């Protein structure tokens, strides 16, 4: 690993590849990423986030009115 930087809201990992060229990947695609707090707390039990459920409730309310 050469460096890690946040660019446009995404964390990127920069490294030198086998051909000695600088390459990059999203940190989220690697084992270096930290799981989102919701995922860590829910231990895989939650299918929808609270924000998703609130948005769904708003959509349903809009259809019913």
N, C-alpha and C. Protein backbone atom coordinates (compact mmCIF):
# COMPACT_ATOMS: atom_id res chain seq x y z
N UNK A 1 0.84 -1.16 0.00
CA UNK A 1 0.00 0.00 0.00
C UNK A 1 0.89 1.23 0.00
N UNK A 2 0.56 2.17 -0.87
CA UNK A 2 1.30 3.43 -0.94
C UNK A 2 0.62 4.47 -0.07
N UNK A 3 -0.70 4.64 -0.26
CA UNK A 3 -1.43 5.62 0.55
C UNK A 3 -2.92 5.34 0.49
N UNK A 4 -3.63 6.02 1.37
CA UNK A 4 -5.08 5.95 1.39
C UNK A 4 -5.59 7.38 1.43
N UNK A 5 -6.55 7.70 0.54
CA UNK A 5 -7.06 9.07 0.46
C UNK A 5 -8.57 9.05 0.30
N UNK A 6 -9.21 10.12 0.77
CA UNK A 6 -10.65 10.31 0.57
C UNK A 6 -10.81 11.26 -0.61
N UNK A 7 -11.49 10.79 -1.65
CA UNK A 7 -11.71 11.58 -2.86
C UNK A 7 -13.20 11.55 -3.17
N UNK A 8 -13.82 12.71 -3.24
CA UNK A 8 -15.25 12.84 -3.54
C UNK A 8 -16.10 11.94 -2.66
N UNK A 9 -15.77 11.88 -1.37
CA UNK A 9 -16.56 11.12 -0.41
C UNK A 9 -16.27 9.63 -0.36
N UNK A 10 -15.34 9.15 -1.16
CA UNK A 10 -14.98 7.73 -1.15
C UNK A 10 -13.53 7.57 -0.71
N UNK A 11 -13.27 6.54 0.09
CA UNK A 11 -11.90 6.23 0.50
C UNK A 11 -11.26 5.33 -0.54
N UNK A 12 -10.09 5.73 -1.01
CA UNK A 12 -9.35 4.98 -2.02
C UNK A 12 -8.03 4.49 -1.47
N UNK A 13 -7.63 3.31 -1.88
CA UNK A 13 -6.36 2.72 -1.51
C UNK A 13 -5.46 2.74 -2.74
N UNK A 14 -4.31 3.36 -2.64
CA UNK A 14 -3.36 3.43 -3.75
C UNK A 14 -2.20 2.48 -3.47
N UNK A 15 -1.78 1.77 -4.50
CA UNK A 15 -0.72 0.78 -4.35
C UNK A 15 0.04 0.63 -5.67
N UNK A 16 1.17 -0.03 -5.62
CA UNK A 16 1.96 -0.32 -6.82
C UNK A 16 1.66 -1.75 -7.23
N UNK A 17 1.19 -1.95 -8.47
CA UNK A 17 0.81 -3.28 -8.92
C UNK A 17 2.03 -4.08 -9.40
N UNK A 18 1.78 -5.27 -9.91
CA UNK A 18 2.85 -6.16 -10.36
C UNK A 18 3.68 -5.59 -11.50
N UNK A 19 3.08 -4.68 -12.27
CA UNK A 19 3.79 -4.06 -13.39
C UNK A 19 4.44 -2.74 -12.97
N UNK A 20 4.51 -2.51 -11.67
CA UNK A 20 5.12 -1.31 -11.07
C UNK A 20 4.42 -0.03 -11.49
N UNK A 21 3.12 -0.12 -11.69
CA UNK A 21 2.29 1.04 -11.99
C UNK A 21 1.42 1.35 -10.77
N UNK A 22 1.18 2.63 -10.52
CA UNK A 22 0.29 2.97 -9.42
C UNK A 22 -1.14 2.64 -9.81
N UNK A 23 -1.84 1.93 -8.94
CA UNK A 23 -3.23 1.57 -9.16
C UNK A 23 -4.03 1.94 -7.92
N UNK A 24 -5.33 1.86 -8.03
CA UNK A 24 -6.17 2.19 -6.88
C UNK A 24 -7.44 1.36 -6.88
N UNK A 25 -7.99 1.14 -5.70
CA UNK A 25 -9.27 0.47 -5.53
C UNK A 25 -9.99 1.15 -4.37
N UNK A 26 -11.30 1.03 -4.35
CA UNK A 26 -12.06 1.54 -3.22
C UNK A 26 -11.71 0.73 -1.97
N UNK A 27 -11.51 1.40 -0.87
CA UNK A 27 -11.20 0.70 0.38
C UNK A 27 -12.33 -0.26 0.74
N UNK A 28 -13.57 0.10 0.41
CA UNK A 28 -14.72 -0.75 0.71
C UNK A 28 -14.62 -2.12 0.04
N UNK A 29 -13.84 -2.23 -1.01
CA UNK A 29 -13.67 -3.50 -1.72
C UNK A 29 -12.58 -4.36 -1.09
N UNK A 30 -11.93 -3.87 -0.05
CA UNK A 30 -10.81 -4.59 0.56
C UNK A 30 -11.14 -5.02 1.98
N UNK A 31 -10.25 -5.79 2.56
CA UNK A 31 -10.41 -6.21 3.96
C UNK A 31 -10.04 -5.08 4.92
N UNK A 32 -9.57 -3.96 4.40
CA UNK A 32 -9.21 -2.82 5.25
C UNK A 32 -10.41 -1.97 5.62
N UNK A 33 -11.55 -2.21 5.00
CA UNK A 33 -12.72 -1.38 5.27
C UNK A 33 -13.32 -1.71 6.63
N UNK A 34 -13.90 -0.71 7.24
CA UNK A 34 -14.58 -0.86 8.51
C UNK A 34 -16.06 -1.06 8.19
N UNK A 35 -16.70 -2.07 8.78
CA UNK A 35 -18.12 -2.26 8.49
C UNK A 35 -18.95 -1.08 8.97
N UNK A 36 -20.01 -0.78 8.24
CA UNK A 36 -20.91 0.29 8.64
C UNK A 36 -21.50 -0.04 10.01
N UNK A 37 -21.71 0.97 10.86
CA UNK A 37 -22.22 0.70 12.21
C UNK A 37 -23.51 -0.13 12.20
N UNK A 38 -24.41 0.15 11.25
CA UNK A 38 -25.65 -0.62 11.19
C UNK A 38 -25.36 -2.10 10.97
N UNK A 39 -24.45 -2.40 10.08
CA UNK A 39 -24.12 -3.80 9.79
C UNK A 39 -23.50 -4.47 11.00
N UNK A 40 -22.63 -3.75 11.69
CA UNK A 40 -21.96 -4.32 12.86
C UNK A 40 -22.96 -4.60 13.98
N UNK A 41 -23.89 -3.66 14.22
CA UNK A 41 -24.86 -3.82 15.29
C UNK A 41 -25.94 -4.85 14.96
N UNK A 42 -26.36 -4.90 13.71
CA UNK A 42 -27.45 -5.81 13.34
C UNK A 42 -26.98 -7.24 13.13
N UNK A 43 -25.70 -7.42 12.95
CA UNK A 43 -25.13 -8.76 12.72
C UNK A 43 -25.86 -9.48 11.58
N UNK A 44 -26.24 -8.71 10.54
CA UNK A 44 -26.88 -9.30 9.38
C UNK A 44 -28.37 -9.55 9.51
N UNK A 45 -28.98 -9.12 10.62
CA UNK A 45 -30.40 -9.39 10.83
C UNK A 45 -31.32 -8.37 10.16
N UNK A 46 -30.85 -7.16 9.91
CA UNK A 46 -31.70 -6.11 9.35
C UNK A 46 -31.66 -6.15 7.82
N UNK A 47 -32.84 -6.17 7.22
CA UNK A 47 -32.91 -6.18 5.76
C UNK A 47 -33.01 -4.76 5.21
N UNK A 48 -33.59 -3.83 5.99
CA UNK A 48 -33.74 -2.45 5.55
C UNK A 48 -33.21 -1.51 6.63
N UNK A 49 -32.64 -0.40 6.19
CA UNK A 49 -32.19 0.63 7.12
C UNK A 49 -33.38 1.47 7.54
N UNK A 50 -33.25 2.15 8.67
CA UNK A 50 -34.33 3.02 9.16
C UNK A 50 -34.69 4.07 8.11
N UNK A 51 -33.71 4.66 7.47
CA UNK A 51 -33.97 5.67 6.42
C UNK A 51 -34.78 5.07 5.28
N UNK A 52 -34.47 3.82 4.91
CA UNK A 52 -35.21 3.15 3.84
C UNK A 52 -36.67 2.94 4.24
N UNK A 53 -36.90 2.53 5.49
CA UNK A 53 -38.26 2.30 5.96
C UNK A 53 -39.06 3.60 6.01
N UNK A 54 -38.42 4.69 6.45
CA UNK A 54 -39.11 5.98 6.49
C UNK A 54 -39.47 6.44 5.08
N UNK A 55 -38.57 6.25 4.14
CA UNK A 55 -38.85 6.63 2.75
C UNK A 55 -39.98 5.79 2.18
N UNK A 56 -39.99 4.50 2.49
CA UNK A 56 -41.06 3.62 2.04
C UNK A 56 -42.40 4.07 2.62
N UNK A 57 -42.41 4.44 3.91
CA UNK A 57 -43.65 4.93 4.53
C UNK A 57 -44.14 6.18 3.84
N UNK A 58 -43.24 7.09 3.48
CA UNK A 58 -43.62 8.30 2.75
C UNK A 58 -44.20 7.97 1.37
N UNK A 59 -43.59 7.01 0.68
CA UNK A 59 -44.10 6.60 -0.64
C UNK A 59 -45.50 5.99 -0.53
N UNK A 60 -45.70 5.15 0.48
CA UNK A 60 -47.01 4.54 0.67
C UNK A 60 -48.05 5.62 1.01
N UNK A 61 -47.68 6.55 1.88
CA UNK A 61 -48.60 7.64 2.25
C UNK A 61 -48.98 8.46 1.01
N UNK A 62 -48.03 8.68 0.11
CA UNK A 62 -48.30 9.42 -1.10
C UNK A 62 -49.25 8.70 -2.04
N UNK A 63 -49.17 7.39 -2.08
CA UNK A 63 -50.05 6.58 -2.93
C UNK A 63 -51.46 6.55 -2.35
N UNK A 64 -51.56 6.49 -1.03
CA UNK A 64 -52.86 6.40 -0.38
C UNK A 64 -53.64 7.70 -0.43
N UNK A 65 -52.98 8.84 -0.58
CA UNK A 65 -53.70 10.13 -0.57
C UNK A 65 -54.13 10.57 -1.94
